[in-house]
């Protein structure tokens, strides 16, 4: 009889222990489910990306090349940082640098597929003013860069210029100033838009030519980044006569300062990807308008070829030339 009591007591203790363990397990599991999840590879949303049609964390990369995080407010729901809000994919308005862009009502000027997704050129409104937004998609994420509305975006090219996988975006636009052009090379990454080539690069490269008046109605064209030099005869070219200003009738130079009488545009009027060395990686072939005396008096076009140096991670001039004007 005593043995039976001992067995029953042992069974009762085991059952009690099991019940207590079950209660502890349930409470622990419930506590874990109600805790705040830390960002991880599975649930962290990078700033400046759209990860699905309904989830948005968006950023605009302005033309000042700054990368800032966007915030969106619709129906009292705000998207910022790592937070996400479920909403219509077309209802958002990216905000950056205190500017809001109406993407929902933006006009699609151009749309094209590239190696990494769709590229769209949008005409959008910001504070009632028109701007251009270049929208690039990368693995379901969308990024933007802004251009002024007075730009005339003449060409958008896609070519691999840096040797890494995927095409870069090459932008060529004219402005409302004669002889001034905008040329960009954009690389799309998982973190946003990187400018491989911008306005300061363009000015540096375009300033590589110099000129010098020579005897017998000729002009010497030089490029300081290469060994290029060429002498061009400009007598009566383009029906203009320069002997009254620069040379006498015999071709002798009348000017005391013989340098830089030729005006060469400070930006590139053409900016096209070409694989000039047939290695599968594209170079950029550029041209600049050159005039003597009056801007309308064209004497030819300076040409430079740019190649991306993967070691120093910037473009270099590898070739220069000058093509005299011909009627």
Protein backbone atom coordinates (compact mmCIF):
# COMPACT_ATOMS: atom_id res chain seq x y z
CA UNK A 1 0.00 0.00 0.00
CA UNK A 2 2.82 2.38 0.84
CA UNK A 3 4.46 1.59 -2.50
CA UNK A 4 1.28 2.57 -4.35
CA UNK A 5 1.19 5.89 -2.49
CA UNK A 6 4.81 6.54 -3.39
CA UNK A 7 4.13 5.78 -7.10
CA UNK A 8 1.08 8.04 -7.17
CA UNK A 9 3.04 10.83 -5.49
CA UNK A 10 5.88 10.51 -8.02
CA UNK A 11 3.43 10.61 -10.96
CA UNK A 12 1.76 13.69 -9.47
CA UNK A 13 5.12 15.46 -9.14
CA UNK A 14 6.04 14.64 -12.74
CA UNK A 15 2.68 15.97 -14.01
CA UNK A 16 3.12 19.15 -11.97
CA UNK A 17 6.61 19.70 -13.35
CA UNK A 18 5.36 19.19 -16.91
CA UNK A 19 2.52 21.70 -16.45
CA UNK A 20 4.90 24.33 -15.01
CA UNK A 21 7.35 23.81 -17.92
CA UNK A 22 4.50 24.19 -20.44
CA UNK A 23 3.35 27.46 -18.84
CA UNK A 24 6.90 28.87 -18.90
CA UNK A 25 7.34 27.89 -22.57
CA UNK A 26 4.05 29.53 -23.67
CA UNK A 27 4.79 32.80 -21.86
CA UNK A 28 8.32 32.95 -23.23
CA UNK A 29 7.15 32.37 -26.78
CA UNK A 30 4.40 34.97 -26.44
CA UNK A 31 6.90 37.51 -25.15
CA UNK A 32 9.17 36.93 -28.13
CA UNK A 33 6.32 37.48 -30.58
CA UNK A 34 5.41 40.80 -28.98
CA UNK A 35 8.97 42.20 -28.93
CA UNK A 36 10.33 44.81 -31.48
CA UNK A 37 12.24 43.13 -34.31
CA UNK A 38 15.70 44.52 -35.03
CA UNK A 39 16.57 45.12 -38.70
CA UNK A 40 18.14 42.09 -40.36
CA UNK A 41 18.94 40.93 -43.83
CA UNK A 42 15.40 39.61 -44.14
CA UNK A 43 13.42 42.61 -42.91
CA UNK A 44 15.69 45.66 -43.30
CA UNK A 45 14.78 48.10 -46.07
CA UNK A 46 17.62 50.20 -47.42
CA UNK A 47 16.98 53.95 -47.54
CA UNK A 48 16.00 55.05 -51.03
CA UNK A 49 14.40 51.91 -52.36
CA UNK A 50 11.02 50.43 -53.16
CA UNK A 51 11.01 46.74 -52.32
CA UNK A 52 7.55 45.82 -53.60
CA UNK A 53 4.47 47.32 -55.22
CA UNK A 54 2.89 48.12 -51.85
CA UNK A 55 5.86 48.80 -49.57
CA UNK A 56 7.72 52.06 -50.00
CA UNK A 57 10.83 53.70 -48.64
CA UNK A 58 11.91 56.10 -51.35
CA UNK A 59 14.69 58.65 -51.94
CA UNK A 60 15.48 61.20 -54.61
CA UNK A 61 19.08 61.76 -55.63
CA UNK A 62 19.14 65.46 -56.51
CA UNK A 63 21.32 67.03 -59.17
CA UNK A 64 23.57 68.32 -56.38
CA UNK A 65 24.75 64.69 -56.09
CA UNK A 66 23.63 64.40 -52.44
CA UNK A 67 22.13 61.15 -51.18
CA UNK A 68 19.37 61.94 -48.70
CA UNK A 69 16.68 59.80 -47.14
CA UNK A 70 13.10 60.50 -48.19
CA UNK A 71 10.00 60.80 -46.05
CA UNK A 72 6.45 60.30 -47.29
CA UNK A 73 3.26 61.45 -45.58
CA UNK A 74 -0.14 60.30 -46.82
CA UNK A 75 -3.30 59.85 -44.71
CA UNK A 76 -1.22 60.56 -41.60
CA UNK A 77 1.05 57.62 -42.41
CA UNK A 78 4.75 58.58 -42.61
CA UNK A 79 7.54 56.58 -44.17
CA UNK A 80 11.04 57.31 -42.89
CA UNK A 81 14.20 55.32 -42.27
CA UNK A 82 13.51 51.62 -41.89
CA UNK A 83 9.74 51.93 -41.42
CA UNK A 84 7.31 50.95 -44.15
CA UNK A 85 3.68 51.83 -44.83
CA UNK A 86 1.23 49.82 -46.91
CA UNK A 87 -0.23 52.07 -49.60
CA UNK A 88 -0.99 52.50 -53.30
CA UNK A 89 2.26 52.28 -55.24
CA UNK A 90 1.36 55.38 -57.30
CA UNK A 91 0.31 57.62 -54.44
CA UNK A 92 3.66 58.56 -52.98
CA UNK A 93 5.52 61.88 -53.21
CA UNK A 94 9.28 61.63 -52.57
CA UNK A 95 10.70 64.40 -50.40
CA UNK A 96 14.35 65.48 -50.40
CA UNK A 97 16.21 68.75 -49.79
CA UNK A 98 12.89 70.26 -48.64
CA UNK A 99 11.38 69.52 -52.06
CA UNK A 100 8.36 67.35 -52.79
CA UNK A 101 7.81 65.75 -56.19
CA UNK A 102 4.38 64.77 -57.46
CA UNK A 103 5.19 61.38 -58.95
CA UNK A 104 1.56 60.28 -59.23
CA UNK A 105 0.74 62.97 -61.79
CA UNK A 106 4.13 63.02 -63.50
CA UNK A 107 4.25 62.75 -67.27
CA UNK A 108 6.37 59.94 -68.70
CA UNK A 109 8.57 61.52 -71.39
CA UNK A 110 10.53 58.38 -72.20
CA UNK A 111 10.71 54.81 -70.95
CA UNK A 112 13.21 52.13 -71.91
CA UNK A 113 14.52 48.83 -70.61
CA UNK A 114 18.16 48.56 -69.62
CA UNK A 115 20.34 45.71 -68.36
CA UNK A 116 19.27 46.40 -64.76
CA UNK A 117 15.62 47.42 -65.20
CA UNK A 118 13.41 50.14 -66.60
CA UNK A 119 14.59 53.73 -67.01
CA UNK A 120 11.97 56.49 -67.16
CA UNK A 121 12.31 60.20 -67.79
CA UNK A 122 9.52 62.01 -65.95
CA UNK A 123 8.25 65.56 -66.13
CA UNK A 124 7.15 66.26 -62.57
CA UNK A 125 6.12 69.19 -60.38
CA UNK A 126 7.99 70.49 -57.35
CA UNK A 127 6.43 73.41 -55.48
CA UNK A 128 4.44 74.23 -58.59
CA UNK A 129 7.51 74.26 -60.83
CA UNK A 130 8.38 71.72 -63.50
CA UNK A 131 11.49 69.53 -63.21
CA UNK A 132 12.80 66.46 -64.95
CA UNK A 133 13.29 63.31 -62.90
CA UNK A 134 15.26 60.37 -64.19
CA UNK A 135 13.84 57.26 -62.54
CA UNK A 136 16.03 54.16 -62.49
CA UNK A 137 14.91 50.77 -61.25
CA UNK A 138 17.32 48.26 -59.78
CA UNK A 139 16.05 44.86 -58.59
CA UNK A 140 12.66 46.29 -57.72
CA UNK A 141 14.09 49.45 -56.12
CA UNK A 142 13.59 52.91 -57.63
CA UNK A 143 16.01 55.83 -57.52
CA UNK A 144 15.83 59.35 -58.91
CA UNK A 145 18.03 62.20 -60.05
CA UNK A 146 16.76 65.68 -60.93
CA UNK A 147 17.45 67.95 -63.91
CA UNK A 148 16.14 71.50 -64.43
CA UNK A 149 13.11 71.93 -66.68
CA UNK A 150 15.03 74.28 -69.00
CA UNK A 151 17.34 71.42 -70.01
CA UNK A 152 16.64 69.82 -73.36
CA UNK A 153 17.63 66.20 -72.75
CA UNK A 154 18.65 65.24 -76.27
CA UNK A 155 20.06 61.75 -75.73
CA UNK A 156 19.99 58.99 -73.12
CA UNK A 157 22.43 56.17 -73.88
CA UNK A 158 23.04 52.84 -72.13
CA UNK A 159 26.53 51.33 -72.26
CA UNK A 160 29.03 49.57 -70.02
CA UNK A 161 31.82 52.09 -69.47
CA UNK A 162 33.43 50.89 -66.22
CA UNK A 163 33.86 47.18 -66.94
CA UNK A 164 31.56 46.09 -64.10
CA UNK A 165 28.36 44.20 -64.77
CA UNK A 166 25.50 46.26 -66.18
CA UNK A 167 25.15 49.35 -68.30
CA UNK A 168 25.68 52.91 -67.16
CA UNK A 169 23.31 55.74 -68.13
CA UNK A 170 24.86 58.46 -70.29
CA UNK A 171 22.92 61.75 -70.34
CA UNK A 172 23.44 64.52 -72.91
CA UNK A 173 21.41 67.71 -72.64
CA UNK A 174 21.57 71.24 -74.01
CA UNK A 175 20.79 74.23 -71.80
CA UNK A 176 19.35 77.68 -72.42
CA UNK A 177 22.89 79.10 -72.71
CA UNK A 178 24.58 78.94 -76.12
CA UNK A 179 27.49 76.53 -76.17
CA UNK A 180 26.73 75.06 -72.72
CA UNK A 181 25.75 71.41 -72.41
CA UNK A 182 25.15 69.03 -69.53
CA UNK A 183 26.73 65.57 -69.64
CA UNK A 184 26.38 62.95 -66.92
CA UNK A 185 27.32 59.31 -66.55
CA UNK A 186 25.24 57.55 -63.90
CA UNK A 187 25.85 54.14 -62.36
CA UNK A 188 22.94 52.38 -60.67
CA UNK A 189 23.76 50.37 -57.54
CA UNK A 190 21.77 48.70 -54.77
CA UNK A 191 22.34 51.82 -52.66
CA UNK A 192 21.38 54.38 -55.29
CA UNK A 193 22.74 56.47 -58.13
CA UNK A 194 26.48 57.15 -58.37
CA UNK A 195 27.80 59.88 -60.70
CA UNK A 196 30.85 58.51 -62.52
CA UNK A 197 31.09 61.74 -64.53
CA UNK A 198 29.61 65.13 -63.65
CA UNK A 199 29.80 68.85 -64.51
CA UNK A 200 33.16 69.46 -62.84
CA UNK A 201 34.68 66.47 -64.68
CA UNK A 202 33.26 67.79 -67.96
CA UNK A 203 34.75 71.26 -67.41
CA UNK A 204 38.15 69.77 -66.59
CA UNK A 205 38.17 67.59 -69.70
CA UNK A 206 36.76 70.27 -72.01
CA UNK A 207 39.45 72.73 -70.91
CA UNK A 208 42.24 70.52 -72.24
CA UNK A 209 42.62 72.32 -75.59
CA UNK A 210 44.60 75.50 -76.21
CA UNK A 211 45.34 77.43 -79.41
CA UNK A 212 48.02 79.71 -80.82
CA UNK A 213 48.08 81.95 -83.89
CA UNK A 214 50.83 81.06 -86.36
CA UNK A 215 52.21 82.64 -89.53
CA UNK A 216 50.46 82.28 -92.91
CA UNK A 217 46.88 82.39 -91.55
CA UNK A 218 47.24 79.26 -89.49
CA UNK A 219 46.20 78.28 -85.97
CA UNK A 220 47.93 75.63 -83.88
CA UNK A 221 45.62 73.41 -81.80
CA UNK A 222 47.11 71.60 -78.78
CA UNK A 223 45.80 69.23 -76.11
CA UNK A 224 47.57 69.32 -72.75
CA UNK A 225 46.51 65.82 -71.69
CA UNK A 226 47.90 64.13 -74.80
CA UNK A 227 50.71 64.73 -77.26
CA UNK A 228 48.23 65.97 -79.86
CA UNK A 229 49.04 69.08 -81.90
CA UNK A 230 47.66 70.16 -85.25
CA UNK A 231 48.04 73.26 -87.45
CA UNK A 232 44.95 74.43 -89.35
CA UNK A 233 44.87 76.98 -92.16
CA UNK A 234 41.90 79.30 -91.57
CA UNK A 235 42.35 81.75 -94.46
CA UNK A 236 38.96 82.57 -95.95
CA UNK A 237 37.42 79.58 -94.16
CA UNK A 238 33.64 79.80 -93.78
CA UNK A 239 33.73 82.91 -96.05
CA UNK A 240 35.31 84.91 -93.21
CA UNK A 241 38.44 87.05 -93.61
CA UNK A 242 40.64 87.28 -90.52
CA UNK A 243 43.57 89.14 -92.02
CA UNK A 244 42.18 92.52 -90.89
CA UNK A 245 42.33 91.45 -87.24
CA UNK A 246 45.09 88.88 -86.84
CA UNK A 247 47.31 88.82 -89.94
CA UNK A 248 48.39 91.31 -92.55
CA UNK A 249 47.96 90.62 -96.24
CA UNK A 250 51.17 88.61 -96.39
CA UNK A 251 50.09 86.32 -93.55
CA UNK A 252 52.31 87.92 -90.90
CA UNK A 253 50.82 87.97 -87.39
CA UNK A 254 49.64 91.45 -86.34
CA UNK A 255 48.58 90.49 -82.78
CA UNK A 256 51.01 90.79 -79.88
CA UNK A 257 49.14 88.14 -77.91
CA UNK A 258 48.88 85.10 -80.14
CA UNK A 259 47.28 82.68 -77.67
CA UNK A 260 43.66 81.59 -77.29
CA UNK A 261 41.99 83.67 -79.99
CA UNK A 262 40.03 80.58 -80.93
CA UNK A 263 36.93 80.04 -78.81
CA UNK A 264 36.34 76.38 -77.96
CA UNK A 265 33.15 75.50 -76.09
CA UNK A 266 33.74 74.76 -72.41
CA UNK A 267 31.35 71.80 -72.48
CA UNK A 268 30.78 68.91 -74.88
CA UNK A 269 28.20 69.45 -77.63
CA UNK A 270 28.20 65.70 -78.36
CA UNK A 271 28.83 62.93 -75.85
CA UNK A 272 28.42 59.42 -77.25
CA UNK A 273 29.51 55.94 -76.11
CA UNK A 274 31.64 54.09 -78.65
CA UNK A 275 33.82 51.00 -78.24
CA UNK A 276 36.79 52.50 -80.06
CA UNK A 277 39.28 49.79 -79.05
CA UNK A 278 36.85 46.87 -79.52
CA UNK A 279 37.39 45.45 -76.04
CA UNK A 280 33.70 45.28 -75.11
CA UNK A 281 33.97 48.29 -72.77
CA UNK A 282 32.72 51.58 -74.15
CA UNK A 283 34.63 54.84 -74.33
CA UNK A 284 33.00 58.28 -74.61
CA UNK A 285 33.68 60.28 -77.78
CA UNK A 286 33.08 64.02 -77.33
CA UNK A 287 33.17 67.09 -79.55
CA UNK A 288 33.47 70.85 -79.00
CA UNK A 289 32.62 73.70 -81.33
CA UNK A 290 35.55 75.98 -82.26
CA UNK A 291 35.29 79.51 -83.69
CA UNK A 292 37.64 82.40 -84.45
CA UNK A 293 36.67 86.05 -84.19
CA UNK A 294 32.88 85.73 -84.01
CA UNK A 295 31.09 82.76 -82.44
CA UNK A 296 29.25 82.11 -85.68
CA UNK A 297 32.55 81.79 -87.54
CA UNK A 298 33.19 78.06 -87.12
CA UNK A 299 36.68 76.83 -87.94
CA UNK A 300 36.13 73.21 -86.85
CA UNK A 301 35.48 70.80 -84.02
CA UNK A 302 37.78 69.56 -81.28
CA UNK A 303 37.37 65.89 -80.40
CA UNK A 304 38.36 63.94 -77.30
CA UNK A 305 37.93 60.30 -76.35
CA UNK A 306 37.41 59.50 -72.68
CA UNK A 307 38.09 56.13 -71.05
CA UNK A 308 37.27 55.06 -67.50
CA UNK A 309 40.36 54.13 -65.49
CA UNK A 310 39.32 51.36 -63.08
CA UNK A 311 42.40 51.86 -60.87
CA UNK A 312 41.90 55.54 -60.12
CA UNK A 313 38.12 55.31 -60.71
CA UNK A 314 37.80 58.30 -63.00
CA UNK A 315 37.81 59.15 -66.70
CA UNK A 316 40.93 60.10 -68.62
CA UNK A 317 41.50 61.57 -72.07
CA UNK A 318 43.14 58.88 -74.18
CA UNK A 319 42.81 60.51 -77.61
CA UNK A 320 42.43 64.03 -79.04
CA UNK A 321 41.88 65.40 -82.53
CA UNK A 322 40.68 68.45 -84.42
CA UNK A 323 38.53 68.43 -87.56
CA UNK A 324 38.66 71.64 -89.64
CA UNK A 325 35.40 73.08 -90.86
CA UNK A 326 34.58 72.31 -94.47
CA UNK A 327 31.78 73.78 -96.54
